[in-house]
Each structure stands twice: as C-alpha cells, then as structure tokens.
Amino acid sequence: MRIAILSRDSTLWTCRRLREAATQRGHLVDIIDPLSCYMNINPASPSVHDKGRQLPHYDAVIPRIGSAITFYGTAVLRQFEMMGSWPLNESVAIARARDKLRSLQLLARQGIDLPVTGFAHSPDDTSDLIELVGGAPLVVKLVEGTQGIGVVLAETRQAAESVIDAFRGLNAHILVQEYIREAKGRDIRCLVVGDQVVAAIERQAKEGDFRSNLHRGGVARVVNITPREREIALKAVSTLGLEVAGVDILRAARGPLVMEVNASPGLEGIEKTSGMDIAGKMISWVEHHARPGFCLKTGG
C-alpha cells in the first residue's frame, strides 16, 4: 500500500512513529508538507504537485495538519480525497473539529455533557455572559487556540471582564466556560482509533497552572477509565465524523464532561506513558479500511 502522511515536519515523534509502523508492515510511505503542494482542480484529471513533480496516487492519506494551516491543509487533503485516496480523518471532519464552537454545538446536540459554555459577539453582553456560565472563576478560550495557548483562568469577575475585553480588542473569537474546580488541574486524554479507546492517560497541570497539556509542562500517568467515559469518548469522535482523535474529559462532580476533541492528537506523550503501540493500531485501521474507489461520505 502507498501511504502519504501530510505534515509540515517529518522529524516530529508522531510522523516518525507512523512511518516506522507503516514501513515495518511493508508499506511505502511519503511525508509531504501540505504547504509545499499545489493543485490542479480539474474534473477530468485532478492532480497534486510538489516541487515541480506530480505526486502519484496514494491508497491512503494520514493527515497531520496543525491548526495554523487548517484552511490550506484541509484543501490539499480534499484534493487527495477527490482523487480517490482514503483519508484516516476526512477533511470535512477535521474542519468540523477545529471549529471549537461548532464542535461543541454538535456534541451538545447529541446530548454529550460539556462544561457550561457561553459565546457572544457584542461587548455589551460581557456581564450577562459571565453570569451565564455561573460567574467567576471561569475559563476564557480563544476559538482558534491549541495546546493550551489562548486559554486563561479568570479568578475574579473583574479579571474575567478584563480578559474578555482584551481578547475582543484583538478581534478574537472567544468562548467562556465554567471552571471545573474539582478537576484540580487534571483531565483524561482518551485516544480513539476507529471504534476503540486504545489508550487513556490522566494529565496533571504543573504547579501553579490549571492547563494539563503536556506541551505546557503537565505530567501524565496511565488511568483506568469508566465505562461511561469510554462511551462518551467514542460518541464524541463519532459525532464529529472522525476515525482517530484525542478526547479530553474532565471528571466533574456531576459526571464526565468533554472538554475538547482533537483531530490531530500527538502520540509522544500517550505512547511513552501507556507503552502502547498506537501508531501501529492506526496503520492497522488504515489497512482494514483503505479501499480502491474511495468516495467521500459527505459533499463537504
């Protein structure tokens, strides 16, 4: 099988592990920078080019598209989809998950429990917005943020108003969420491949921080998840139309709450912590589902 991995950096742990897992199984693997690609959008003979050469047909494409290049990265992935390559995650599902507001609305529509979340446009709504999520302390998030960047804990009402006004002054789209105090800076990352949670770790924020992202200095340990948490993680991934995702869950007093669904989860932290060969499980899923004549599930 010929497999393309779309990534800006072939040296990243996840790319290296995916290439290693695929080549061990006898597959041919190319790692392609989506920003170096250009496309011929032709109904008769669509093509993707890179550095002056037309790229060959790939049986499968594994997108590792960072949030900073979502627009162009998903456009390149769509072109491969149009040419019959099977995507591990479809372009429309990635775009759906990257839009934090849209993804939360879709999850809520399916009855998946979330932290109380508010969204508003007008500065006149700041006071009501704060009350909507139960007042301070609360969390303010940039809609386009990732890896804990653009996430601020406002411990007082005055601080909340200042942070919201500051973000609005930058013309940024923000979400305001209730602060789950009992989580104590911890969350659960469930790694879903297809119809299984293949690994789960608990991430703990570093001292003095509430963001548990490993990129922000958090630490991790293996954790046993409950049947309810497993069910919620699988339902969240299915709701967004993804095949592979990381689902971040907070353990609140009222039960598990989905904080975010990551369409391009890094493997380093969870593989090192769990000892699981998650890259191998991803390649196995590709082997069982990539098929000739692939056609998109949706028109998006």
C-alpha atoms as a PDB file:
ATOM      1  CA  MET A   1       0.000   0.000   0.000  1.00  0.00           C
ATOM      2  CA  ARG A   2       1.209   3.514  -0.768  1.00  0.00           C
ATOM      3  CA  ILE A   3       0.572   5.946   2.092  1.00  0.00           C
ATOM      4  CA  ALA A   4       1.049   9.721   2.307  1.00  0.00           C
ATOM      5  CA  ILE A   5       1.471  11.485   5.650  1.00  0.00           C
ATOM      6  CA  LEU A   6       0.604  15.175   5.434  1.00  0.00           C
ATOM      7  CA  SER A   7       2.839  17.042   7.872  1.00  0.00           C
ATOM      8  CA  ARG A   8       4.985  20.153   7.923  1.00  0.00           C
ATOM      9  CA  ASP A   9       7.731  18.427   9.930  1.00  0.00           C
ATOM     10  CA  SER A  10       8.855  14.867   9.194  1.00  0.00           C
ATOM     11  CA  THR A  11      11.069  14.838  12.317  1.00  0.00           C
ATOM     12  CA  LEU A  12       8.164  15.020  14.777  1.00  0.00           C
ATOM     13  CA  TRP A  13       7.674  11.966  17.019  1.00  0.00           C
ATOM     14  CA  THR A  14       4.222  11.165  15.610  1.00  0.00           C
ATOM     15  CA  CYS A  15       5.382  11.298  11.976  1.00  0.00           C
ATOM     16  CA  ARG A  16       8.423   9.157  12.700  1.00  0.00           C
ATOM     17  CA  ARG A  17       6.349   6.577  14.577  1.00  0.00           C
ATOM     18  CA  LEU A  18       3.695   6.400  11.842  1.00  0.00           C
ATOM     19  CA  ARG A  19       6.322   5.987   9.130  1.00  0.00           C
ATOM     20  CA  GLU A  20       8.118   3.337  11.203  1.00  0.00           C
ATOM     21  CA  ALA A  21       4.893   1.406  11.859  1.00  0.00           C
ATOM     22  CA  ALA A  22       3.873   1.535   8.182  1.00  0.00           C
ATOM     23  CA  THR A  23       7.256   0.557   6.726  1.00  0.00           C
ATOM     24  CA  GLN A  24       7.527  -2.357   9.172  1.00  0.00           C
ATOM     25  CA  ARG A  25       4.346  -3.668   7.570  1.00  0.00           C
ATOM     26  CA  GLY A  26       5.766  -3.323   4.070  1.00  0.00           C
ATOM     27  CA  HIS A  27       4.021  -0.121   3.019  1.00  0.00           C
ATOM     28  CA  LEU A  28       5.587   2.700   1.001  1.00  0.00           C
ATOM     29  CA  VAL A  29       5.401   5.993   2.890  1.00  0.00           C
ATOM     30  CA  ASP A  30       5.912   9.601   1.763  1.00  0.00           C
ATOM     31  CA  ILE A  31       5.794  12.502   4.210  1.00  0.00           C
ATOM     32  CA  ILE A  32       4.526  15.571   2.352  1.00  0.00           C
ATOM     33  CA  ASP A  33       4.435  19.178   3.509  1.00  0.00           C
ATOM     34  CA  PRO A  34       0.911  20.337   2.556  1.00  0.00           C
ATOM     35  CA  LEU A  35       2.061  23.956   2.236  1.00  0.00           C
ATOM     36  CA  SER A  36       4.523  22.981  -0.489  1.00  0.00           C
ATOM     37  CA  CYS A  37       1.741  21.342  -2.527  1.00  0.00           C
ATOM     38  CA  TYR A  38      -0.191  22.969  -5.341  1.00  0.00           C
ATOM     39  CA  MET A  39      -3.221  21.560  -7.071  1.00  0.00           C
ATOM     40  CA  ASN A  40      -4.819  21.210 -10.469  1.00  0.00           C
ATOM     41  CA  ILE A  41      -8.546  21.287  -9.751  1.00  0.00           C
ATOM     42  CA  ASN A  42      -9.695  19.668 -12.952  1.00  0.00           C
ATOM     43  CA  PRO A  43     -12.742  17.357 -13.098  1.00  0.00           C
ATOM     44  CA  ALA A  44     -11.155  15.283 -15.843  1.00  0.00           C
ATOM     45  CA  SER A  45      -7.685  14.816 -14.330  1.00  0.00           C
ATOM     46  CA  PRO A  46      -7.221  16.369 -10.875  1.00  0.00           C
ATOM     47  CA  SER A  47      -3.676  16.281  -9.520  1.00  0.00           C
ATOM     48  CA  VAL A  48      -1.422  17.373  -6.678  1.00  0.00           C
ATOM     49  CA  HIS A  49       2.081  18.681  -7.361  1.00  0.00           C
ATOM     50  CA  ASP A  50       5.072  19.231  -5.100  1.00  0.00           C
ATOM     51  CA  LYS A  51       8.337  20.924  -6.095  1.00  0.00           C
ATOM     52  CA  GLY A  52       7.736  20.551  -9.809  1.00  0.00           C
ATOM     53  CA  ARG A  53       6.561  16.936  -9.848  1.00  0.00           C
ATOM     54  CA  GLN A  54       3.119  15.414  -9.971  1.00  0.00           C
ATOM     55  CA  LEU A  55       2.524  13.246  -6.934  1.00  0.00           C
ATOM     56  CA  PRO A  56       1.488   9.629  -7.505  1.00  0.00           C
ATOM     57  CA  HIS A  57      -1.784   8.069  -6.411  1.00  0.00           C
ATOM     58  CA  TYR A  58      -1.879   7.173  -2.717  1.00  0.00           C
ATOM     59  CA  ASP A  59      -4.095   4.418  -1.364  1.00  0.00           C
ATOM     60  CA  ALA A  60      -4.388   6.279   1.927  1.00  0.00           C
ATOM     61  CA  VAL A  61      -3.557   9.676   3.377  1.00  0.00           C
ATOM     62  CA  ILE A  62      -2.851  10.278   7.065  1.00  0.00           C
ATOM     63  CA  PRO A  63      -3.408  13.985   7.817  1.00  0.00           C
ATOM     64  CA  ARG A  64      -1.224  15.548  10.499  1.00  0.00           C
ATOM     65  CA  ILE A  65      -2.434  19.078   9.840  1.00  0.00           C
ATOM     66  CA  GLY A  66      -1.670  21.674  12.502  1.00  0.00           C
ATOM     67  CA  SER A  67      -4.306  24.211  13.486  1.00  0.00           C
ATOM     68  CA  ALA A  68      -2.276  27.074  11.972  1.00  0.00           C
ATOM     69  CA  ILE A  69      -2.674  25.594   8.472  1.00  0.00           C
ATOM     70  CA  THR A  70      -6.177  24.131   8.733  1.00  0.00           C
ATOM     71  CA  PHE A  71      -7.542  26.047   5.724  1.00  0.00           C
ATOM     72  CA  TYR A  72      -4.856  25.109   3.202  1.00  0.00           C
ATOM     73  CA  GLY A  73      -4.074  21.741   4.760  1.00  0.00           C
ATOM     74  CA  THR A  74      -7.665  20.538   4.501  1.00  0.00           C
ATOM     75  CA  ALA A  75      -7.839  21.891   0.927  1.00  0.00           C
ATOM     76  CA  VAL A  76      -4.877  19.665  -0.021  1.00  0.00           C
ATOM     77  CA  LEU A  77      -6.469  16.718   1.778  1.00  0.00           C
ATOM     78  CA  ARG A  78      -9.739  17.329  -0.105  1.00  0.00           C
ATOM     79  CA  GLN A  79      -7.823  17.155  -3.368  1.00  0.00           C
ATOM     80  CA  PHE A  80      -6.414  13.740  -2.428  1.00  0.00           C
ATOM     81  CA  GLU A  81      -9.918  12.635  -1.418  1.00  0.00           C
ATOM     82  CA  MET A  82     -11.253  13.819  -4.769  1.00  0.00           C
ATOM     83  CA  MET A  83      -8.602  11.671  -6.451  1.00  0.00           C
ATOM     84  CA  GLY A  84      -9.732   8.547  -4.573  1.00  0.00           C
ATOM     85  CA  SER A  85      -7.259   8.383  -1.681  1.00  0.00           C
ATOM     86  CA  TRP A  86      -8.767   7.124   1.594  1.00  0.00           C
ATOM     87  CA  PRO A  87      -8.199   9.624   4.445  1.00  0.00           C
ATOM     88  CA  LEU A  88      -7.645   8.440   8.013  1.00  0.00           C
ATOM     89  CA  ASN A  89      -9.635  11.542   9.001  1.00  0.00           C
ATOM     90  CA  GLU A  90     -11.768  13.254   6.351  1.00  0.00           C
ATOM     91  CA  SER A  91     -11.141  16.922   5.586  1.00  0.00           C
ATOM     92  CA  VAL A  92     -14.682  17.953   6.491  1.00  0.00           C
ATOM     93  CA  ALA A  93     -14.421  16.174   9.867  1.00  0.00           C
ATOM     94  CA  ILE A  94     -11.113  17.886  10.655  1.00  0.00           C
ATOM     95  CA  ALA A  95     -12.594  21.304   9.834  1.00  0.00           C
ATOM     96  CA  ARG A  96     -15.626  20.474  11.985  1.00  0.00           C
ATOM     97  CA  ALA A  97     -13.450  19.545  14.973  1.00  0.00           C
ATOM     98  CA  ARG A  98     -11.145  22.564  14.575  1.00  0.00           C
ATOM     99  CA  ASP A  99     -14.070  24.966  14.946  1.00  0.00           C
ATOM    100  CA  LYS A 100     -14.420  24.811  18.738  1.00  0.00           C
ATOM    101  CA  LEU A 101     -17.837  26.487  18.760  1.00  0.00           C
ATOM    102  CA  ARG A 102     -19.259  24.291  16.007  1.00  0.00           C
ATOM    103  CA  SER A 103     -17.891  21.100  17.566  1.00  0.00           C
ATOM    104  CA  LEU A 104     -19.326  21.952  20.992  1.00  0.00           C
ATOM    105  CA  GLN A 105     -22.711  22.692  19.429  1.00  0.00           C
ATOM    106  CA  LEU A 106     -22.677  19.334  17.614  1.00  0.00           C
ATOM    107  CA  LEU A 107     -21.668  17.476  20.780  1.00  0.00           C
ATOM    108  CA  ALA A 108     -24.365  19.240  22.807  1.00  0.00           C
ATOM    109  CA  ARG A 109     -26.965  18.356  20.168  1.00  0.00           C
ATOM    110  CA  GLN A 110     -26.106  14.688  20.725  1.00  0.00           C
ATOM    111  CA  GLY A 111     -26.599  15.033  24.474  1.00  0.00           C
ATOM    112  CA  ILE A 112     -22.888  14.784  25.336  1.00  0.00           C
ATOM    113  CA  ASP A 113     -22.187  16.548  28.626  1.00  0.00           C
ATOM    114  CA  LEU A 114     -19.891  19.597  28.416  1.00  0.00           C
ATOM    115  CA  PRO A 115     -18.762  22.403  30.709  1.00  0.00           C
ATOM    116  CA  VAL A 116     -21.331  25.222  30.565  1.00  0.00           C
ATOM    117  CA  THR A 117     -20.126  27.356  27.668  1.00  0.00           C
ATOM    118  CA  GLY A 118     -21.034  30.874  26.549  1.00  0.00           C
ATOM    119  CA  PHE A 119     -20.344  32.687  23.295  1.00  0.00           C
ATOM    120  CA  ALA A 120     -21.194  36.275  22.385  1.00  0.00           C
ATOM    121  CA  HIS A 121     -20.168  38.964  19.927  1.00  0.00           C
ATOM    122  CA  SER A 122     -21.112  42.276  21.487  1.00  0.00           C
ATOM    123  CA  PRO A 123     -19.078  43.804  24.369  1.00  0.00           C
ATOM    124  CA  ASP A 124     -22.406  44.838  25.886  1.00  0.00           C
ATOM    125  CA  ASP A 125     -23.040  41.161  26.662  1.00  0.00           C
ATOM    126  CA  THR A 126     -19.938  40.645  28.844  1.00  0.00           C
ATOM    127  CA  SER A 127     -21.748  40.863  32.186  1.00  0.00           C
ATOM    128  CA  ASP A 128     -24.547  38.508  31.145  1.00  0.00           C
ATOM    129  CA  LEU A 129     -22.020  36.157  29.540  1.00  0.00           C
ATOM    130  CA  ILE A 130     -20.153  35.815  32.834  1.00  0.00           C
ATOM    131  CA  GLU A 131     -23.393  35.079  34.692  1.00  0.00           C
ATOM    132  CA  LEU A 132     -24.395  32.580  32.014  1.00  0.00           C
ATOM    133  CA  VAL A 133     -21.543  30.241  32.975  1.00  0.00           C
ATOM    134  CA  GLY A 134     -22.003  30.692  36.724  1.00  0.00           C
ATOM    135  CA  GLY A 135     -19.723  33.654  37.360  1.00  0.00           C
ATOM    136  CA  ALA A 136     -16.044  33.689  38.317  1.00  0.00           C
ATOM    137  CA  PRO A 137     -13.794  31.822  38.399  1.00  0.00           C
ATOM    138  CA  LEU A 138     -14.213  30.968  34.745  1.00  0.00           C
ATOM    139  CA  VAL A 139     -12.113  29.995  31.744  1.00  0.00           C
ATOM    140  CA  VAL A 140     -11.729  32.164  28.641  1.00  0.00           C
ATOM    141  CA  LYS A 141     -10.609  30.376  25.463  1.00  0.00           C
ATOM    142  CA  LEU A 142      -9.646  31.562  22.020  1.00  0.00           C
ATOM    143  CA  VAL A 143     -11.737  29.650  19.490  1.00  0.00           C
ATOM    144  CA  GLU A 144      -8.590  29.170  17.390  1.00  0.00           C
ATOM    145  CA  GLY A 145      -6.323  28.224  20.318  1.00  0.00           C
ATOM    146  CA  THR A 146      -4.444  24.927  20.658  1.00  0.00           C
ATOM    147  CA  GLN A 147      -2.169  23.098  23.131  1.00  0.00           C
ATOM    148  CA  GLY A 148      -3.331  25.369  25.948  1.00  0.00           C
ATOM    149  CA  ILE A 149      -2.353  28.564  24.109  1.00  0.00           C
ATOM    150  CA  GLY A 150      -5.055  31.226  24.360  1.00  0.00           C
ATOM    151  CA  VAL A 151      -6.642  29.659  27.474  1.00  0.00           C
ATOM    152  CA  VAL A 152      -6.896  31.893  30.550  1.00  0.00           C
ATOM    153  CA  LEU A 153      -8.320  31.264  34.015  1.00  0.00           C
ATOM    154  CA  ALA A 154     -10.023  34.398  35.340  1.00  0.00           C
ATOM    155  CA  GLU A 155     -10.379  34.002  39.114  1.00  0.00           C
ATOM    156  CA  THR A 156     -12.475  37.114  39.760  1.00  0.00           C
ATOM    157  CA  ARG A 157     -15.272  38.874  37.921  1.00  0.00           C
ATOM    158  CA  GLN A 158     -13.083  41.927  37.338  1.00  0.00           C
ATOM    159  CA  ALA A 159     -10.333  39.736  35.889  1.00  0.00           C
ATOM    160  CA  ALA A 160     -12.874  37.967  33.688  1.00  0.00           C
ATOM    161  CA  GLU A 161     -14.169  41.264  32.294  1.00  0.00           C
ATOM    162  CA  SER A 162     -10.612  42.470  31.632  1.00  0.00           C
ATOM    163  CA  VAL A 163      -9.575  39.282  29.824  1.00  0.00           C
ATOM    164  CA  ILE A 164     -12.751  39.188  27.724  1.00  0.00           C
ATOM    165  CA  ASP A 165     -12.396  42.854  26.780  1.00  0.00           C
ATOM    166  CA  ALA A 166      -8.705  42.359  25.929  1.00  0.00           C
ATOM    167  CA  PHE A 167      -9.416  39.432  23.602  1.00  0.00           C
ATOM    168  CA  ARG A 168     -12.259  41.342  21.988  1.00  0.00           C
ATOM    169  CA  GLY A 169      -9.933  44.276  21.454  1.00  0.00           C
ATOM    170  CA  LEU A 170      -7.841  41.939  19.304  1.00  0.00           C
ATOM    171  CA  ASN A 171     -10.963  40.989  17.298  1.00  0.00           C
ATOM    172  CA  ALA A 172     -10.547  37.421  18.568  1.00  0.00           C
ATOM    173  CA  HIS A 173     -13.418  34.951  18.824  1.00  0.00           C
ATOM    174  CA  ILE A 174     -13.674  33.601  22.354  1.00  0.00           C
ATOM    175  CA  LEU A 175     -15.576  31.025  24.373  1.00  0.00           C
ATOM    176  CA  VAL A 176     -16.299  31.456  28.074  1.00  0.00           C
ATOM    177  CA  GLN A 177     -16.602  28.250  30.111  1.00  0.00           C
ATOM    178  CA  GLU A 178     -17.332  27.345  33.682  1.00  0.00           C
ATOM    179  CA  TYR A 179     -14.287  26.387  35.723  1.00  0.00           C
ATOM    180  CA  ILE A 180     -14.482  22.806  36.994  1.00  0.00           C
ATOM    181  CA  ARG A 181     -12.789  23.330  40.335  1.00  0.00           C
ATOM    182  CA  GLU A 182     -12.980  19.703  41.448  1.00  0.00           C
ATOM    183  CA  ALA A 183     -10.896  18.587  38.446  1.00  0.00           C
ATOM    184  CA  LYS A 184      -7.907  20.220  40.225  1.00  0.00           C
ATOM    185  CA  GLY A 185      -5.943  20.809  37.023  1.00  0.00           C
ATOM    186  CA  ARG A 186      -6.406  17.225  35.810  1.00  0.00           C
ATOM    187  CA  ASP A 187      -8.057  15.802  32.724  1.00  0.00           C
ATOM    188  CA  ILE A 188      -8.289  12.470  30.931  1.00  0.00           C
ATOM    189  CA  ARG A 189      -6.959  12.102  27.377  1.00  0.00           C
ATOM    190  CA  CYS A 190      -8.657   9.188  25.609  1.00  0.00           C
ATOM    191  CA  LEU A 191      -7.033   8.168  22.326  1.00  0.00           C
ATOM    192  CA  VAL A 192      -9.642   6.743  19.971  1.00  0.00           C
ATOM    193  CA  VAL A 193      -8.792   4.700  16.885  1.00  0.00           C
ATOM    194  CA  GLY A 194     -11.892   3.648  14.977  1.00  0.00           C
ATOM    195  CA  ASP A 195     -14.341   2.054  17.367  1.00  0.00           C
ATOM    196  CA  GLN A 196     -11.983   1.642  20.338  1.00  0.00           C
ATOM    197  CA  VAL A 197     -10.362   3.720  23.052  1.00  0.00           C
ATOM    198  CA  VAL A 198      -6.874   2.273  22.608  1.00  0.00           C
ATOM    199  CA  ALA A 199      -5.204   4.192  25.467  1.00  0.00           C
ATOM    200  CA  ALA A 200      -6.098   6.633  28.228  1.00  0.00           C
ATOM    201  CA  ILE A 201      -3.901   8.804  30.419  1.00  0.00           C
ATOM    202  CA  GLU A 202      -4.549  11.304  33.171  1.00  0.00           C
ATOM    203  CA  ARG A 203      -2.727  14.601  32.691  1.00  0.00           C
ATOM    204  CA  GLN A 204      -1.906  16.818  35.654  1.00  0.00           C
ATOM    205  CA  ALA A 205      -1.096  20.511  35.252  1.00  0.00           C
ATOM    206  CA  LYS A 206       2.233  21.736  36.581  1.00  0.00           C
ATOM    207  CA  GLU A 207       2.279  23.575  39.901  1.00  0.00           C
ATOM    208  CA  GLY A 208       0.573  26.959  39.650  1.00  0.00           C
ATOM    209  CA  ASP A 209      -1.180  26.213  36.343  1.00  0.00           C
ATOM    210  CA  PHE A 210      -4.580  24.742  35.517  1.00  0.00           C
ATOM    211  CA  ARG A 211      -3.826  23.672  31.927  1.00  0.00           C
ATOM    212  CA  SER A 212      -2.922  19.994  31.828  1.00  0.00           C
ATOM    213  CA  ASN A 213      -1.412  19.963  28.323  1.00  0.00           C
ATOM    214  CA  LEU A 214       1.895  18.093  28.269  1.00  0.00           C
ATOM    215  CA  HIS A 215       3.259  20.833  25.982  1.00  0.00           C
ATOM    216  CA  ARG A 216       2.638  23.286  28.841  1.00  0.00           C
ATOM    217  CA  GLY A 217       4.670  21.241  31.343  1.00  0.00           C
ATOM    218  CA  GLY A 218       1.972  18.876  32.579  1.00  0.00           C
ATOM    219  CA  VAL A 219       2.729  15.306  33.653  1.00  0.00           C
ATOM    220  CA  ALA A 220       0.865  12.122  32.815  1.00  0.00           C
ATOM    221  CA  ARG A 221       0.096   8.675  34.147  1.00  0.00           C
ATOM    222  CA  VAL A 222      -1.911   5.698  32.916  1.00  0.00           C
ATOM    223  CA  VAL A 223      -5.511   5.751  34.128  1.00  0.00           C
ATOM    224  CA  ASN A 224      -8.424   3.335  34.090  1.00  0.00           C
ATOM    225  CA  ILE A 225     -11.481   4.964  32.565  1.00  0.00           C
ATOM    226  CA  THR A 226     -15.052   4.106  33.450  1.00  0.00           C
ATOM    227  CA  PRO A 227     -17.493   2.503  31.002  1.00  0.00           C
ATOM    228  CA  ARG A 228     -19.328   5.853  30.898  1.00  0.00           C
ATOM    229  CA  GLU A 229     -16.139   7.745  29.997  1.00  0.00           C
ATOM    230  CA  ARG A 230     -15.367   5.205  27.272  1.00  0.00           C
ATOM    231  CA  GLU A 231     -18.880   5.533  25.871  1.00  0.00           C
ATOM    232  CA  ILE A 232     -18.689   9.340  25.863  1.00  0.00           C
ATOM    233  CA  ALA A 233     -15.282   9.382  24.143  1.00  0.00           C
ATOM    234  CA  LEU A 234     -16.468   7.078  21.354  1.00  0.00           C
ATOM    235  CA  LYS A 235     -19.714   9.008  20.890  1.00  0.00           C
ATOM    236  CA  ALA A 236     -17.862  12.347  20.703  1.00  0.00           C
ATOM    237  CA  VAL A 237     -15.500  11.076  17.984  1.00  0.00           C
ATOM    238  CA  SER A 238     -18.376   9.516  16.022  1.00  0.00           C
ATOM    239  CA  THR A 239     -20.440  12.721  16.292  1.00  0.00           C
ATOM    240  CA  LEU A 240     -17.682  14.720  14.580  1.00  0.00           C
ATOM    241  CA  GLY A 241     -17.143  12.057  11.902  1.00  0.00           C
ATOM    242  CA  LEU A 242     -13.542  11.300  12.861  1.00  0.00           C
ATOM    243  CA  GLU A 243     -11.698   7.971  12.736  1.00  0.00           C
ATOM    244  CA  VAL A 244      -8.803   8.926  15.026  1.00  0.00           C
ATOM    245  CA  ALA A 245      -8.941  11.588  17.740  1.00  0.00           C
ATOM    246  CA  GLY A 246      -7.926  12.537  21.240  1.00  0.00           C
ATOM    247  CA  VAL A 247     -10.874  13.246  23.526  1.00  0.00           C
ATOM    248  CA  ASP A 248     -10.198  15.372  26.604  1.00  0.00           C
ATOM    249  CA  ILE A 249     -12.534  14.646  29.505  1.00  0.00           C
ATOM    250  CA  LEU A 250     -12.902  16.418  32.854  1.00  0.00           C
ATOM    251  CA  ARG A 251     -14.077  14.459  35.871  1.00  0.00           C
ATOM    252  CA  ALA A 252     -16.674  16.792  37.385  1.00  0.00           C
ATOM    253  CA  ALA A 253     -18.886  16.181  40.398  1.00  0.00           C
ATOM    254  CA  ARG A 254     -21.870  15.791  38.073  1.00  0.00           C
ATOM    255  CA  GLY A 255     -20.062  13.275  35.856  1.00  0.00           C
ATOM    256  CA  PRO A 256     -17.594  13.227  32.934  1.00  0.00           C
ATOM    257  CA  LEU A 257     -17.552  16.332  30.709  1.00  0.00           C
ATOM    258  CA  VAL A 258     -15.999  16.521  27.234  1.00  0.00           C
ATOM    259  CA  MET A 259     -13.693  19.497  27.053  1.00  0.00           C
ATOM    260  CA  GLU A 260     -12.351  19.076  23.513  1.00  0.00           C
ATOM    261  CA  VAL A 261     -11.937  16.630  20.635  1.00  0.00           C
ATOM    262  CA  ASN A 262      -8.509  16.858  18.980  1.00  0.00           C
ATOM    263  CA  ALA A 263      -8.497  15.722  15.339  1.00  0.00           C
ATOM    264  CA  SER A 264      -4.701  15.507  15.159  1.00  0.00           C
ATOM    265  CA  PRO A 265      -3.543  14.184  18.535  1.00  0.00           C
ATOM    266  CA  GLY A 266       0.171  13.848  19.185  1.00  0.00           C
ATOM    267  CA  LEU A 267       1.345  10.349  20.081  1.00  0.00           C
ATOM    268  CA  GLU A 268       4.546  11.012  22.006  1.00  0.00           C
ATOM    269  CA  GLY A 269       3.088  11.663  25.450  1.00  0.00           C
ATOM    270  CA  ILE A 270       0.443   8.953  25.354  1.00  0.00           C
ATOM    271  CA  GLU A 271       2.693   6.283  23.786  1.00  0.00           C
ATOM    272  CA  LYS A 272       5.514   6.928  26.262  1.00  0.00           C
ATOM    273  CA  THR A 273       3.123   6.966  29.221  1.00  0.00           C
ATOM    274  CA  SER A 274       0.968   3.980  28.240  1.00  0.00           C
ATOM    275  CA  GLY A 275       3.589   1.873  26.479  1.00  0.00           C
ATOM    276  CA  MET A 276       1.017   1.200  23.733  1.00  0.00           C
ATOM    277  CA  ASP A 277       1.888   0.962  20.039  1.00  0.00           C
ATOM    278  CA  ILE A 278      -0.773   3.446  18.979  1.00  0.00           C
ATOM    279  CA  ALA A 279       0.936   4.213  15.661  1.00  0.00           C
ATOM    280  CA  GLY A 280       0.686   0.508  14.816  1.00  0.00           C
ATOM    281  CA  LYS A 281      -3.018   0.492  15.673  1.00  0.00           C
ATOM    282  CA  MET A 282      -3.555   3.497  13.387  1.00  0.00           C
ATOM    283  CA  ILE A 283      -1.784   1.787  10.492  1.00  0.00           C
ATOM    284  CA  SER A 284      -3.792  -1.383  11.142  1.00  0.00           C
ATOM    285  CA  TRP A 285      -7.000   0.663  10.902  1.00  0.00           C
ATOM    286  CA  VAL A 286      -5.784   2.098   7.598  1.00  0.00           C
ATOM    287  CA  GLU A 287      -5.037  -1.426   6.293  1.00  0.00           C
ATOM    288  CA  HIS A 288      -8.533  -2.633   7.124  1.00  0.00           C
ATOM    289  CA  HIS A 289     -10.426   0.368   5.740  1.00  0.00           C
ATOM    290  CA  ALA A 290      -8.497   1.947   2.854  1.00  0.00           C
ATOM    291  CA  ARG A 291     -10.080   0.649  -0.298  1.00  0.00           C
ATOM    292  CA  PRO A 292      -9.937   1.322  -4.054  1.00  0.00           C
ATOM    293  CA  GLY A 293     -12.529   3.723  -5.411  1.00  0.00           C
ATOM    294  CA  PHE A 294     -12.931   5.656  -2.163  1.00  0.00           C
ATOM    295  CA  CYS A 295     -15.733   8.222  -2.282  1.00  0.00           C
ATOM    296  CA  LEU A 296     -16.368  10.896   0.344  1.00  0.00           C
ATOM    297  CA  LYS A 297     -19.150  10.256   2.876  1.00  0.00           C
ATOM    298  CA  THR A 298     -20.266  13.867   2.548  1.00  0.00           C
ATOM    299  CA  GLY A 299     -20.091  16.575  -0.029  1.00  0.00           C
ATOM    300  CA  GLY A 300     -18.195  18.929   2.297  1.00  0.00           C
END
